[in-house]
Amino acid sequence: MASEPVGDKRDHARFALALDVRVTFEHDSFILKTRDISDGGVFLSVEEEALTLPPLGSRVSLQVQTPLQDDEPAPVVEGEVVRRTDEGIGIRFLEDD
């Protein structure tokens, strides 16, 4: 488990995890790697400087690129960009409507 800084106001514990995730935003789609994940969201690392990331508040679709049992694709999860840094983007998972 990733250590939590003192005074961290997150609602969910974060866990270090490196998985490839397809991010779809409007008509763009690209693969990023998770840095950490929690019940509430995920931080995706950006290694390609030229990549244009979705702006804060954007709704994105996420899909882990590792197949599940019987080679079924992972489900698509909706999220909102809530953080942008030089290192990547923070996505809050959205509840199903």
Foldseek 3Di string as FASTA:
>chain_A
DDDDDPPDPDPWDKDADWFWKWKDFDPDIDIFIWGIATPFWTWTFDPDQVDDDDDFFGKIKIFTQDADPPRHGGDIWIWGFHDDDSGTTITTTDDDD
